[in-house]
PDB file of N, CA and C in Angstrom:
ATOM      1  N   MET A   1      92.405  95.087  80.403  1.00  0.00           N
ATOM      2  CA  MET A   1      92.364  94.488  81.957  1.00  0.00           C
ATOM      3  C   MET A   1      92.323  95.901  82.936  1.00  0.00           C
ATOM      4  N   ALA A   2      93.136  96.958  82.782  1.00  0.00           N
ATOM      5  CA  ALA A   2      92.957  97.844  83.972  1.00  0.00           C
ATOM      6  C   ALA A   2      91.363  98.396  83.994  1.00  0.00           C
ATOM      7  N   GLU A   3      90.760  98.471  82.679  1.00  0.00           N
ATOM      8  CA  GLU A   3      89.577  98.882  82.682  1.00  0.00           C
ATOM      9  C   GLU A   3      88.395  98.122  83.159  1.00  0.00           C
ATOM     10  N   SER A   4      88.633  96.593  82.981  1.00  0.00           N
ATOM     11  CA  SER A   4      87.684  96.103  83.647  1.00  0.00           C
ATOM     12  C   SER A   4      87.784  96.111  85.232  1.00  0.00           C
ATOM     13  N   LEU A   5      89.146  96.077  85.878  1.00  0.00           N
ATOM     14  CA  LEU A   5      89.622  96.344  87.246  1.00  0.00           C
ATOM     15  C   LEU A   5      88.699  97.612  87.792  1.00  0.00           C
ATOM     16  N   ASP A   6      89.179  98.759  86.822  1.00  0.00           N
ATOM     17  CA  ASP A   6      88.298 100.128  87.366  1.00  0.00           C
ATOM     18  C   ASP A   6      86.558  99.537  87.143  1.00  0.00           C
ATOM     19  N   SER A   7      86.150  99.130  86.266  1.00  0.00           N
ATOM     20  CA  SER A   7      84.926  99.183  86.439  1.00  0.00           C
ATOM     21  C   SER A   7      84.481  98.156  87.534  1.00  0.00           C
ATOM     22  N   GLY A   8      85.112  97.081  87.842  1.00  0.00           N
ATOM     23  CA  GLY A   8      84.936  96.379  89.032  1.00  0.00           C
ATOM     24  C   GLY A   8      84.894  97.187  90.413  1.00  0.00           C
ATOM     25  N   LEU A   9      85.910  97.738  90.388  1.00  0.00           N
ATOM     26  CA  LEU A   9      85.831  98.759  91.471  1.00  0.00           C
ATOM     27  C   LEU A   9      85.073  99.914  91.910  1.00  0.00           C
ATOM     28  N   ARG A  10      84.480 100.298  90.618  1.00  0.00           N
ATOM     29  CA  ARG A  10      83.465 101.295  90.591  1.00  0.00           C
ATOM     30  C   ARG A  10      82.315 100.567  90.994  1.00  0.00           C
ATOM     31  N   ARG A  11      81.603  99.163  90.460  1.00  0.00           N
ATOM     32  CA  ARG A  11      80.525  98.488  91.310  1.00  0.00           C
ATOM     33  C   ARG A  11      80.754  98.169  92.694  1.00  0.00           C
ATOM     34  N   GLN A  12      81.997  97.883  93.098  1.00  0.00           N
ATOM     35  CA  GLN A  12      82.457  97.820  94.403  1.00  0.00           C
ATOM     36  C   GLN A  12      81.954  98.970  95.334  1.00  0.00           C
ATOM     37  N   LEU A  13      82.539 100.205  94.892  1.00  0.00           N
ATOM     38  CA  LEU A  13      82.250 101.204  95.471  1.00  0.00           C
ATOM     39  C   LEU A  13      80.863 101.964  95.740  1.00  0.00           C
ATOM     40  N   LEU A  14      80.084 101.519  94.718  1.00  0.00           N
ATOM     41  CA  LEU A  14      78.775 101.928  94.445  1.00  0.00           C
ATOM     42  C   LEU A  14      77.987 101.133  95.787  1.00  0.00           C
ATOM     43  N   GLN A  15      78.365  99.931  95.966  1.00  0.00           N
ATOM     44  CA  GLN A  15      77.744  99.089  96.954  1.00  0.00           C
ATOM     45  C   GLN A  15      78.280  99.541  98.298  1.00  0.00           C
ATOM     46  N   THR A  16      79.615  99.750  98.313  1.00  0.00           N
ATOM     47  CA  THR A  16      80.276 100.051  99.883  1.00  0.00           C
ATOM     48  C   THR A  16      80.584 101.350 100.531  1.00  0.00           C
ATOM     49  N   ASP A  17      80.483 102.313  99.553  1.00  0.00           N
ATOM     50  CA  ASP A  17      81.060 103.625  99.784  1.00  0.00           C
ATOM     51  C   ASP A  17      79.906 104.545  99.854  1.00  0.00           C
ATOM     52  N   GLU A  18      79.231 105.291 100.755  1.00  0.00           N
ATOM     53  CA  GLU A  18      78.247 106.052 100.550  1.00  0.00           C
ATOM     54  C   GLU A  18      78.419 107.299  99.982  1.00  0.00           C
ATOM     55  N   GLU A  19      79.562 107.954 100.051  1.00  0.00           N
ATOM     56  CA  GLU A  19      79.957 109.022  99.482  1.00  0.00           C
ATOM     57  C   GLU A  19      80.077 108.639  97.747  1.00  0.00           C
ATOM     58  N   PHE A  20      80.937 107.621  97.548  1.00  0.00           N
ATOM     59  CA  PHE A  20      80.871 107.368  96.124  1.00  0.00           C
ATOM     60  C   PHE A  20      79.253 107.446  95.444  1.00  0.00           C
ATOM     61  N   ARG A  21      78.361 106.590  96.211  1.00  0.00           N
ATOM     62  CA  ARG A  21      77.224 105.996  95.534  1.00  0.00           C
ATOM     63  C   ARG A  21      76.168 107.512  95.396  1.00  0.00           C
ATOM     64  N   ALA A  22      76.642 108.494  96.486  1.00  0.00           N
ATOM     65  CA  ALA A  22      75.615 109.758  96.361  1.00  0.00           C
ATOM     66  C   ALA A  22      76.464 110.690  95.044  1.00  0.00           C
ATOM     67  N   LEU A  23      77.693 110.405  94.989  1.00  0.00           N
ATOM     68  CA  LEU A  23      78.444 111.264  93.875  1.00  0.00           C
ATOM     69  C   LEU A  23      77.943 110.931  92.541  1.00  0.00           C
ATOM     70  N   SER A  24      77.653 109.451  92.688  1.00  0.00           N
ATOM     71  CA  SER A  24      77.169 108.693  91.316  1.00  0.00           C
ATOM     72  C   SER A  24      75.785 109.033  90.980  1.00  0.00           C
ATOM     73  N   GLU A  25      74.985 108.996  92.007  1.00  0.00           N
ATOM     74  CA  GLU A  25      73.402 109.270  91.710  1.00  0.00           C
ATOM     75  C   GLU A  25      73.462 110.846  91.252  1.00  0.00           C
ATOM     76  N   ARG A  26      74.031 111.708  91.839  1.00  0.00           N
ATOM     77  CA  ARG A  26      74.096 113.183  91.348  1.00  0.00           C
ATOM     78  C   ARG A  26      74.112 113.308  89.925  1.00  0.00           C
ATOM     79  N   HIS A  27      75.725 112.826  89.696  1.00  0.00           N
ATOM     80  CA  HIS A  27      76.354 112.826  88.425  1.00  0.00           C
ATOM     81  C   HIS A  27      75.030 112.213  87.319  1.00  0.00           C
ATOM     82  N   HIS A  28      74.415 111.294  87.496  1.00  0.00           N
ATOM     83  CA  HIS A  28      73.367 110.809  86.936  1.00  0.00           C
ATOM     84  C   HIS A  28      72.262 111.696  86.606  1.00  0.00           C
ATOM     85  N   GLU A  29      71.920 112.077  87.821  1.00  0.00           N
ATOM     86  CA  GLU A  29      70.691 113.272  87.826  1.00  0.00           C
ATOM     87  C   GLU A  29      71.071 114.550  86.886  1.00  0.00           C
ATOM     88  N   LEU A  30      72.167 114.824  86.814  1.00  0.00           N
ATOM     89  CA  LEU A  30      72.771 116.212  86.066  1.00  0.00           C
ATOM     90  C   LEU A  30      72.646 115.681  84.711  1.00  0.00           C
ATOM     91  N   ASP A  31      73.219 114.463  84.504  1.00  0.00           N
ATOM     92  CA  ASP A  31      73.522 114.047  83.155  1.00  0.00           C
ATOM     93  C   ASP A  31      71.934 113.777  82.444  1.00  0.00           C
ATOM     94  N   THR A  32      70.972 113.201  83.333  1.00  0.00           N
ATOM     95  CA  THR A  32      69.724 113.358  82.642  1.00  0.00           C
ATOM     96  C   THR A  32      69.128 114.628  82.306  1.00  0.00           C
ATOM     97  N   ARG A  33      69.202 115.427  83.246  1.00  0.00           N
ATOM     98  CA  ARG A  33      68.669 116.982  83.114  1.00  0.00           C
ATOM     99  C   ARG A  33      69.568 117.602  81.612  1.00  0.00           C
ATOM    100  N   LEU A  34      70.929 117.404  81.467  1.00  0.00           N
ATOM    101  CA  LEU A  34      71.507 117.718  80.489  1.00  0.00           C
ATOM    102  C   LEU A  34      71.269 117.271  79.160  1.00  0.00           C
ATOM    103  N   HIS A  35      70.725 115.772  79.185  1.00  0.00           N
ATOM    104  CA  HIS A  35      70.310 115.246  78.018  1.00  0.00           C
ATOM    105  C   HIS A  35      68.667 115.898  77.607  1.00  0.00           C
ATOM    106  N   GLN A  36      67.820 116.259  78.462  1.00  0.00           N
ATOM    107  CA  GLN A  36      66.715 116.974  78.490  1.00  0.00           C
ATOM    108  C   GLN A  36      66.907 118.329  77.775  1.00  0.00           C
ATOM    109  N   LEU A  37      67.933 118.979  78.183  1.00  0.00           N
ATOM    110  CA  LEU A  37      68.206 120.171  77.675  1.00  0.00           C
ATOM    111  C   LEU A  37      68.639 120.154  75.962  1.00  0.00           C
ATOM    112  N   ALA A  38      69.614 119.120  75.901  1.00  0.00           N
ATOM    113  CA  ALA A  38      70.099 118.732  74.597  1.00  0.00           C
ATOM    114  C   ALA A  38      69.029 118.491  73.674  1.00  0.00           C
ATOM    115  N   GLU A  39      67.675 118.120  74.199  1.00  0.00           N
ATOM    116  CA  GLU A  39      66.772 117.642  73.252  1.00  0.00           C
ATOM    117  C   GLU A  39      66.058 118.850  72.570  1.00  0.00           C
ATOM    118  N   ARG A  40      66.246 119.921  73.373  1.00  0.00           N
ATOM    119  CA  ARG A  40      65.539 121.415  72.933  1.00  0.00           C
ATOM    120  C   ARG A  40      66.042 121.717  71.577  1.00  0.00           C
ATOM    121  N   SER A  41      65.046 122.271  70.926  1.00  0.00           N
ATOM    122  CA  SER A  41      65.688 122.918  69.733  1.00  0.00           C
ATOM    123  C   SER A  41      66.499 124.245  69.876  1.00  0.00           C
ATOM    124  N   HIS A  42      65.995 125.006  70.953  1.00  0.00           N
ATOM    125  CA  HIS A  42      66.718 126.085  71.313  1.00  0.00           C
ATOM    126  C   HIS A  42      66.626 126.324  72.870  1.00  0.00           C
ATOM    127  N   LEU A  43      67.705 127.078  73.473  1.00  0.00           N
ATOM    128  CA  LEU A  43      67.696 127.332  74.887  1.00  0.00           C
ATOM    129  C   LEU A  43      67.770 128.731  75.088  1.00  0.00           C
ATOM    130  N   ASP A  44      66.958 129.211  75.847  1.00  0.00           N
ATOM    131  CA  ASP A  44      67.012 130.671  76.177  1.00  0.00           C
ATOM    132  C   ASP A  44      68.050 130.848  77.052  1.00  0.00           C
ATOM    133  N   ASP A  45      68.371 132.092  77.622  1.00  0.00           N
ATOM    134  CA  ASP A  45      69.421 132.355  78.207  1.00  0.00           C
ATOM    135  C   ASP A  45      69.605 131.667  79.446  1.00  0.00           C
ATOM    136  N   ASN A  46      68.615 131.700  80.405  1.00  0.00           N
ATOM    137  CA  ASN A  46      68.584 130.930  81.467  1.00  0.00           C
ATOM    138  C   ASN A  46      68.802 129.335  81.479  1.00  0.00           C
ATOM    139  N   GLU A  47      68.424 128.824  80.367  1.00  0.00           N
ATOM    140  CA  GLU A  47      68.746 127.460  80.219  1.00  0.00           C
ATOM    141  C   GLU A  47      70.221 127.066  79.860  1.00  0.00           C
ATOM    142  N   GLN A  48      70.563 128.283  78.991  1.00  0.00           N
ATOM    143  CA  GLN A  48      71.913 128.242  78.581  1.00  0.00           C
ATOM    144  C   GLN A  48      73.140 128.186  79.653  1.00  0.00           C
ATOM    145  N   VAL A  49      72.607 128.975  80.747  1.00  0.00           N
ATOM    146  CA  VAL A  49      73.589 129.155  81.936  1.00  0.00           C
ATOM    147  C   VAL A  49      73.308 127.785  82.857  1.00  0.00           C
ATOM    148  N   GLU A  50      72.060 127.576  83.006  1.00  0.00           N
ATOM    149  CA  GLU A  50      71.948 126.302  83.621  1.00  0.00           C
ATOM    150  C   GLU A  50      72.583 124.941  83.019  1.00  0.00           C
ATOM    151  N   GLU A  51      72.520 125.040  81.650  1.00  0.00           N
ATOM    152  CA  GLU A  51      73.491 123.855  80.891  1.00  0.00           C
ATOM    153  C   GLU A  51      74.929 123.973  81.412  1.00  0.00           C
ATOM    154  N   SER A  52      75.311 125.125  81.289  1.00  0.00           N
ATOM    155  CA  SER A  52      76.755 125.569  81.580  1.00  0.00           C
ATOM    156  C   SER A  52      77.130 124.938  82.994  1.00  0.00           C
ATOM    157  N   THR A  53      76.393 125.378  83.836  1.00  0.00           N
ATOM    158  CA  THR A  53      76.638 125.289  85.281  1.00  0.00           C
ATOM    159  C   THR A  53      76.504 123.651  85.589  1.00  0.00           C
ATOM    160  N   LEU A  54      75.462 123.147  85.048  1.00  0.00           N
ATOM    161  CA  LEU A  54      75.517 121.414  85.093  1.00  0.00           C
ATOM    162  C   LEU A  54      76.603 120.774  84.707  1.00  0.00           C
ATOM    163  N   LYS A  55      77.142 121.039  83.305  1.00  0.00           N
ATOM    164  CA  LYS A  55      78.325 120.731  83.192  1.00  0.00           C
ATOM    165  C   LYS A  55      79.556 120.558  84.049  1.00  0.00           C
ATOM    166  N   LYS A  56      79.393 122.101  84.443  1.00  0.00           N
ATOM    167  CA  LYS A  56      80.723 122.192  85.341  1.00  0.00           C
ATOM    168  C   LYS A  56      80.442 121.259  86.843  1.00  0.00           C
ATOM    169  N   ARG A  57      79.271 121.304  87.289  1.00  0.00           N
ATOM    170  CA  ARG A  57      79.049 120.588  88.452  1.00  0.00           C
ATOM    171  C   ARG A  57      79.294 118.921  88.215  1.00  0.00           C
ATOM    172  N   LYS A  58      78.839 118.728  87.012  1.00  0.00           N
ATOM    173  CA  LYS A  58      78.877 117.217  86.574  1.00  0.00           C
ATOM    174  C   LYS A  58      80.441 116.852  86.574  1.00  0.00           C
ATOM    175  N   LEU A  59      81.343 117.557  86.036  1.00  0.00           N
ATOM    176  CA  LEU A  59      82.853 117.371  85.905  1.00  0.00           C
ATOM    177  C   LEU A  59      83.189 117.385  87.298  1.00  0.00           C
ATOM    178  N   GLN A  60      82.878 118.442  88.001  1.00  0.00           N
ATOM    179  CA  GLN A  60      83.338 118.325  89.363  1.00  0.00           C
ATOM    180  C   GLN A  60      83.133 116.972  90.277  1.00  0.00           C
ATOM    181  N   LEU A  61      81.884 116.447  90.021  1.00  0.00           N
ATOM    182  CA  LEU A  61      81.667 115.216  90.598  1.00  0.00           C
ATOM    183  C   LEU A  61      82.410 114.091  89.956  1.00  0.00           C
ATOM    184  N   LYS A  62      82.314 114.175  88.696  1.00  0.00           N
ATOM    185  CA  LYS A  62      83.427 113.161  88.287  1.00  0.00           C
ATOM    186  C   LYS A  62      84.749 113.222  88.871  1.00  0.00           C
ATOM    187  N   ASP A  63      85.348 114.348  88.824  1.00  0.00           N
ATOM    188  CA  ASP A  63      86.578 114.307  89.306  1.00  0.00           C
ATOM    189  C   ASP A  63      86.617 113.890  90.877  1.00  0.00           C
ATOM    190  N   ARG A  64      85.962 114.228  91.627  1.00  0.00           N
ATOM    191  CA  ARG A  64      85.675 113.733  93.112  1.00  0.00           C
ATOM    192  C   ARG A  64      85.603 112.240  92.706  1.00  0.00           C
ATOM    193  N   MET A  65      84.700 111.732  92.247  1.00  0.00           N
ATOM    194  CA  MET A  65      84.660 110.194  92.067  1.00  0.00           C
ATOM    195  C   MET A  65      85.903 109.580  91.688  1.00  0.00           C
ATOM    196  N   GLU A  66      86.709 110.215  90.746  1.00  0.00           N
ATOM    197  CA  GLU A  66      87.890 109.596  90.298  1.00  0.00           C
ATOM    198  C   GLU A  66      89.049 109.713  91.433  1.00  0.00           C
ATOM    199  N   ASP A  67      88.869 110.741  92.433  1.00  0.00           N
ATOM    200  CA  ASP A  67      89.816 110.866  93.577  1.00  0.00           C
ATOM    201  C   ASP A  67      89.439 109.624  94.616  1.00  0.00           C
ATOM    202  N   ILE A  68      88.265 109.356  94.533  1.00  0.00           N
ATOM    203  CA  ILE A  68      88.217 108.047  95.387  1.00  0.00           C
ATOM    204  C   ILE A  68      88.686 107.048  95.072  1.00  0.00           C
ATOM    205  N   LEU A  69      88.577 106.843  93.476  1.00  0.00           N
ATOM    206  CA  LEU A  69      88.911 105.602  92.939  1.00  0.00           C
ATOM    207  C   LEU A  69      90.443 105.345  93.044  1.00  0.00           C
ATOM    208  N   ARG A  70      91.038 106.523  92.731  1.00  0.00           N
ATOM    209  CA  ARG A  70      92.456 106.587  93.039  1.00  0.00           C
ATOM    210  C   ARG A  70      93.054 106.322  94.284  1.00  0.00           C
ATOM    211  N   ARG A  71      92.163 106.684  95.039  1.00  0.00           N
ATOM    212  CA  ARG A  71      92.573 106.530  96.702  1.00  0.00           C
ATOM    213  C   ARG A  71      92.591 104.928  97.281  1.00  0.00           C
ATOM    214  N   GLN A  72      91.420 104.499  96.337  1.00  0.00           N
ATOM    215  CA  GLN A  72      91.176 102.783  96.688  1.00  0.00           C
ATOM    216  C   GLN A  72      92.305 101.891  96.039  1.00  0.00           C
ATOM    217  N   VAL A  73      92.630 102.569  94.824  1.00  0.00           N
ATOM    218  CA  VAL A  73      93.724 101.898  93.983  1.00  0.00           C
ATOM    219  C   VAL A  73      95.130 101.890  94.675  1.00  0.00           C
ATOM    220  N   THR A  74      95.326 103.168  95.144  1.00  0.00           N
ATOM    221  CA  THR A  74      96.781 103.378  95.914  1.00  0.00           C
ATOM    222  C   THR A  74      96.931 102.938  97.301  1.00  0.00           C
ATOM    223  N   ALA A  75      95.674 102.741  98.058  1.00  0.00           N
ATOM    224  CA  ALA A  75      95.591 102.533  99.337  1.00  0.00           C
ATOM    225  C   ALA A  75      96.592 101.115  99.405  1.00  0.00           C
ATOM    226  N   PRO A  76      96.154 100.123  98.953  1.00  0.00           N
ATOM    227  CA  PRO A  76      96.530  98.740  99.203  1.00  0.00           C
ATOM    228  C   PRO A  76      97.963  98.857  99.103  1.00  0.00           C
ATOM    229  N   ARG A  77      98.554  99.698  98.116  1.00  0.00           N
ATOM    230  CA  ARG A  77      99.966  99.681  97.923  1.00  0.00           C
ATOM    231  C   ARG A  77     100.927 100.458  98.746  1.00  0.00           C
ATOM    232  N   ALA A  78     100.207 101.148  99.376  1.00  0.00           N
ATOM    233  CA  ALA A  78     100.665 102.217 100.504  1.00  0.00           C
ATOM    234  C   ALA A  78     100.786 101.396 101.763  1.00  0.00           C
ATOM    235  N   ALA A  79      99.687 100.558 102.023  1.00  0.00           N
ATOM    236  CA  ALA A  79      99.497  99.756 103.338  1.00  0.00           C
ATOM    237  C   ALA A  79     100.754  98.525 103.305  1.00  0.00           C
ATOM    238  N   SER A  80     100.807  97.843 101.693  1.00  0.00           N
ATOM    239  CA  SER A  80     101.800  96.870 101.843  1.00  0.00           C
ATOM    240  C   SER A  80     103.165  97.593 101.912  1.00  0.00           C
ATOM    241  N   ALA A  81     103.485  98.669 101.402  1.00  0.00           N
ATOM    242  CA  ALA A  81     104.696  99.402 101.464  1.00  0.00           C
ATOM    243  C   ALA A  81     105.134  99.739 102.653  1.00  0.00           C
ATOM    244  N   SER A  82     104.065  99.938 103.610  1.00  0.00           N
ATOM    245  CA  SER A  82     104.653 100.508 104.990  1.00  0.00           C
ATOM    246  C   SER A  82     104.615  99.286 105.928  1.00  0.00           C
ATOM    247  N   SER A  83     104.510  97.710 105.340  1.00  0.00           N
ATOM    248  CA  SER A  83     104.633  96.887 105.953  1.00  0.00           C
ATOM    249  C   SER A  83     106.125  96.523 106.029  1.00  0.00           C
ATOM    250  N   TYR A  84     106.987  96.794 105.331  1.00  0.00           N
ATOM    251  CA  TYR A  84     108.172  96.375 105.279  1.00  0.00           C
ATOM    252  C   TYR A  84     109.221  97.249 106.131  1.00  0.00           C
TER     253      TYR A  84
END
């Protein structure tokens, strides 16, 4: 159930949160490039550095997206708690 809630929240944020949408699009672009590199039989030194950099950047983007998700999940609770 939490997974479907998370999925629904992600869909909602993609439609309503410009930062989340931009992060998601960039994450997808990096993922596409990583798949292109993975299809190659051998990576030269520059490509290996690129692959490592892309993986790190992709993880940073995912972490930021998760922060936004967490903020959305905890915001309603914080608002209702302060009402009392």
